[in-house]
Amino acid sequence: MIFVAASRDGQARARVVSDDKRATLEPVLLEWIDPETTSLMTDGSKSYRGLGKTMADHQYVIHSQKEYANPETGAHVNTAEAVLSQVQRALVGVYHNLGRQHLQRYLVEILWRWNHRDPIREVVKQWTTKKGVAREKSTTIRKPTPVLDQMRVLLQGAVGKQIRRPKEYGICWP
């Protein structure tokens, strides 16, 4: 089981846990966030209801009742679910098999990529309805940082090493 927490600014954390009981999840959550300053937003799992009692505020959505966001409270877990979708896509597209022994290491890599995406860019779409009414909708987009740029950030601490990109692409070390 993977326990994921994501903040509204898009940063996320994940950890492999043995079960979804409060006794297992609470120490992990308290390590990640300060209960006095945080509003917890979860899905409707009963395990999270107990966790919510230790937080300043707790809002939740109940997926089984087809509630995915609560416009009154602003509660949703879409960011955490997007992180999980990246884990699932990595399983299909890159790793093909995530063994339990190294699962936390894979999660660290996937979350590092998630947390180092390019900054948010807002896109505004404008259109006119059939009745001639002008409409506008804005969407925020975060694009993945190119792999070479990610590696450059990773290798900044490697003293005496440089990374270069040759004309035929790829990586070379001068």
Protein backbone atom coordinates (compact mmCIF):
# COMPACT_ATOMS: atom_id res chain seq x y z
CA MET A 1 0.00 0.00 0.00
CA ILE A 2 1.21 3.49 -0.84
CA PHE A 3 0.31 6.48 1.35
CA VAL A 4 0.40 9.78 -0.57
CA ALA A 5 0.11 13.35 0.69
CA ALA A 6 0.06 16.33 -1.64
CA SER A 7 -0.10 20.02 -0.83
CA ARG A 8 -2.17 22.48 -2.81
CA ASP A 9 0.98 23.99 -4.33
CA GLY A 10 1.64 20.65 -6.03
CA GLN A 11 4.46 19.25 -3.88
CA ALA A 12 3.93 15.65 -2.81
CA ARG A 13 5.29 12.86 -0.63
CA ALA A 14 4.69 9.12 -0.66
CA ARG A 15 5.63 6.19 1.50
CA VAL A 16 5.08 2.46 1.40
CA VAL A 17 3.02 1.42 4.42
CA SER A 18 1.89 -1.97 5.67
CA ASP A 19 -1.80 -1.13 6.08
CA ASP A 20 -4.30 1.75 6.20
CA LYS A 21 -4.89 1.75 9.96
CA ARG A 22 -4.66 5.00 11.88
CA ALA A 23 -1.80 3.66 14.03
CA THR A 24 0.26 3.14 10.87
CA LEU A 25 -0.64 6.34 9.01
CA GLU A 26 -0.67 8.91 11.83
CA PRO A 27 3.09 8.88 12.61
CA VAL A 28 3.87 9.27 8.89
CA LEU A 29 1.42 12.14 8.47
CA LEU A 30 2.65 13.94 11.60
CA GLU A 31 6.23 13.61 10.31
CA TRP A 32 5.20 15.37 7.10
CA ILE A 33 2.88 18.13 8.32
CA ASP A 34 2.13 20.33 11.31
CA PRO A 35 -1.35 19.51 12.64
CA GLU A 36 -1.87 23.01 14.06
CA THR A 37 -1.56 24.81 10.75
CA THR A 38 -2.96 22.30 8.30
CA SER A 39 -6.37 21.50 6.95
CA LEU A 40 -6.51 17.83 6.05
CA MET A 41 -8.47 16.82 2.95
CA THR A 42 -9.01 13.12 2.33
CA ASP A 43 -11.30 10.67 0.65
CA GLY A 44 -14.02 9.03 2.71
CA SER A 45 -11.94 6.17 4.12
CA LYS A 46 -12.71 5.51 7.79
CA SER A 47 -8.97 5.32 8.52
CA TYR A 48 -8.66 9.00 7.68
CA ARG A 49 -11.54 10.09 9.91
CA GLY A 50 -9.46 9.33 12.99
CA LEU A 51 -6.49 11.17 11.49
CA GLY A 52 -8.68 14.20 10.91
CA LYS A 53 -9.32 14.52 14.64
CA THR A 54 -5.66 15.36 15.23
CA MET A 55 -5.65 18.15 12.60
CA ALA A 56 -6.84 21.75 12.81
CA ASP A 57 -9.53 21.00 10.23
CA HIS A 58 -10.60 17.93 8.25
CA GLN A 59 -12.64 17.93 5.05
CA TYR A 60 -13.35 14.85 2.98
CA VAL A 61 -15.06 13.66 -0.16
CA ILE A 62 -16.83 10.33 -0.52
CA HIS A 63 -16.04 8.73 -3.88
CA SER A 64 -18.54 5.90 -3.36
CA GLN A 65 -21.29 8.54 -3.38
CA LYS A 66 -19.83 10.01 -6.59
CA GLU A 67 -18.51 13.03 -4.71
CA TYR A 68 -15.08 13.96 -6.08
CA ALA A 69 -14.92 17.60 -4.99
CA ASN A 70 -16.91 19.66 -2.54
CA PRO A 71 -17.35 23.20 -3.91
CA GLU A 72 -18.57 24.51 -0.53
CA THR A 73 -15.46 23.49 1.40
CA GLY A 74 -13.02 23.26 -1.50
CA ALA A 75 -12.15 19.68 -0.50
CA HIS A 76 -10.76 17.32 -3.12
CA VAL A 77 -7.98 14.77 -3.37
CA ASN A 78 -7.26 15.28 -7.06
CA THR A 79 -3.62 16.25 -6.53
CA ALA A 80 -2.86 13.08 -4.57
CA GLU A 81 -4.69 11.01 -7.16
CA ALA A 82 -2.64 12.65 -9.92
CA VAL A 83 0.54 11.61 -8.10
CA LEU A 84 -0.75 8.04 -7.90
CA SER A 85 -1.55 8.11 -11.59
CA GLN A 86 2.10 8.97 -12.28
CA VAL A 87 3.15 5.94 -10.24
CA GLN A 88 0.77 3.78 -12.26
CA ARG A 89 2.03 5.24 -15.55
CA ALA A 90 5.62 4.56 -14.50
CA LEU A 91 4.66 0.96 -13.84
CA VAL A 92 3.16 0.59 -17.31
CA GLY A 93 5.64 2.68 -19.28
CA VAL A 94 9.03 2.41 -17.58
CA TYR A 95 9.44 -0.11 -14.79
CA HIS A 96 6.90 -2.89 -15.64
CA ASN A 97 7.39 -4.43 -12.20
CA LEU A 98 7.86 -2.64 -8.91
CA GLY A 99 9.03 -5.19 -6.36
CA ARG A 100 8.21 -4.54 -2.72
CA GLN A 101 11.88 -4.57 -1.76
CA HIS A 102 12.68 -1.47 -3.85
CA LEU A 103 9.25 0.14 -4.11
CA GLN A 104 10.16 3.05 -1.80
CA ARG A 105 13.18 3.84 -4.00
CA TYR A 106 11.00 3.94 -7.10
CA LEU A 107 8.55 6.20 -5.28
CA VAL A 108 11.36 8.57 -4.32
CA GLU A 109 12.39 8.89 -7.96
CA ILE A 110 8.85 9.35 -9.25
CA LEU A 111 8.10 11.96 -6.57
CA TRP A 112 11.36 13.77 -7.24
CA ARG A 113 10.30 14.15 -10.87
CA TRP A 114 6.82 15.25 -9.78
CA ASN A 115 8.18 17.87 -7.37
CA HIS A 116 10.64 19.25 -9.94
CA ARG A 117 8.23 20.02 -12.78
CA ASP A 118 8.42 23.31 -14.62
CA PRO A 119 6.54 26.17 -12.95
CA ILE A 120 2.81 26.55 -13.36
CA ARG A 121 1.63 28.23 -16.52
CA GLU A 122 -1.91 29.49 -16.89
CA VAL A 123 -3.70 28.95 -20.19
CA VAL A 124 -6.88 30.90 -20.96
CA LYS A 125 -9.31 29.49 -23.49
CA GLN A 126 -11.87 31.82 -25.03
CA TRP A 127 -14.86 30.89 -27.18
CA THR A 128 -18.28 32.09 -28.22
CA THR A 129 -21.37 29.95 -27.70
CA LYS A 130 -23.97 29.38 -30.40
CA LYS A 131 -26.07 32.13 -28.78
CA GLY A 132 -23.16 34.57 -29.17
CA VAL A 133 -22.18 34.67 -25.49
CA ALA A 134 -18.45 35.07 -24.90
CA ARG A 135 -17.01 32.48 -22.53
CA GLU A 136 -13.60 32.12 -20.93
CA LYS A 137 -11.98 29.32 -18.95
CA SER A 138 -8.51 29.28 -17.41
CA THR A 139 -6.52 26.13 -16.80
CA THR A 140 -3.21 25.75 -14.99
CA ILE A 141 -0.60 23.49 -16.56
CA ARG A 142 2.65 22.10 -15.17
CA LYS A 143 4.91 20.41 -17.66
CA PRO A 144 7.60 17.87 -16.78
CA THR A 145 11.13 19.19 -16.71
CA PRO A 146 13.24 17.62 -19.48
CA VAL A 147 15.36 14.70 -18.27
CA LEU A 148 18.67 16.44 -19.02
CA ASP A 149 17.63 19.44 -16.95
CA GLN A 150 16.63 17.10 -14.12
CA MET A 151 20.02 15.42 -14.31
CA ARG A 152 21.75 18.79 -14.27
CA VAL A 153 19.98 19.62 -11.00
CA LEU A 154 20.87 16.20 -9.56
CA LEU A 155 24.52 16.53 -10.52
CA GLN A 156 25.04 20.09 -9.26
CA GLY A 157 26.52 18.65 -6.09
CA ALA A 158 28.92 16.36 -7.97
CA VAL A 159 32.18 18.26 -7.58
CA GLY A 160 34.35 18.38 -10.70
CA LYS A 161 31.71 16.93 -13.04
CA GLN A 162 30.02 18.63 -15.96
CA ILE A 163 27.19 17.47 -18.14
CA ARG A 164 27.07 18.42 -21.79
CA ARG A 165 24.63 17.75 -24.58
CA PRO A 166 26.31 16.85 -27.89
CA LYS A 167 24.81 17.72 -31.28
CA GLU A 168 23.49 14.17 -31.68
CA TYR A 169 21.68 14.51 -28.32
CA GLY A 170 22.20 12.22 -25.36
CA ILE A 171 24.75 13.01 -22.67
CA CYS A 172 28.50 13.36 -22.68
CA TRP A 173 31.03 14.02 -19.96
CA PRO A 174 33.86 16.37 -20.98
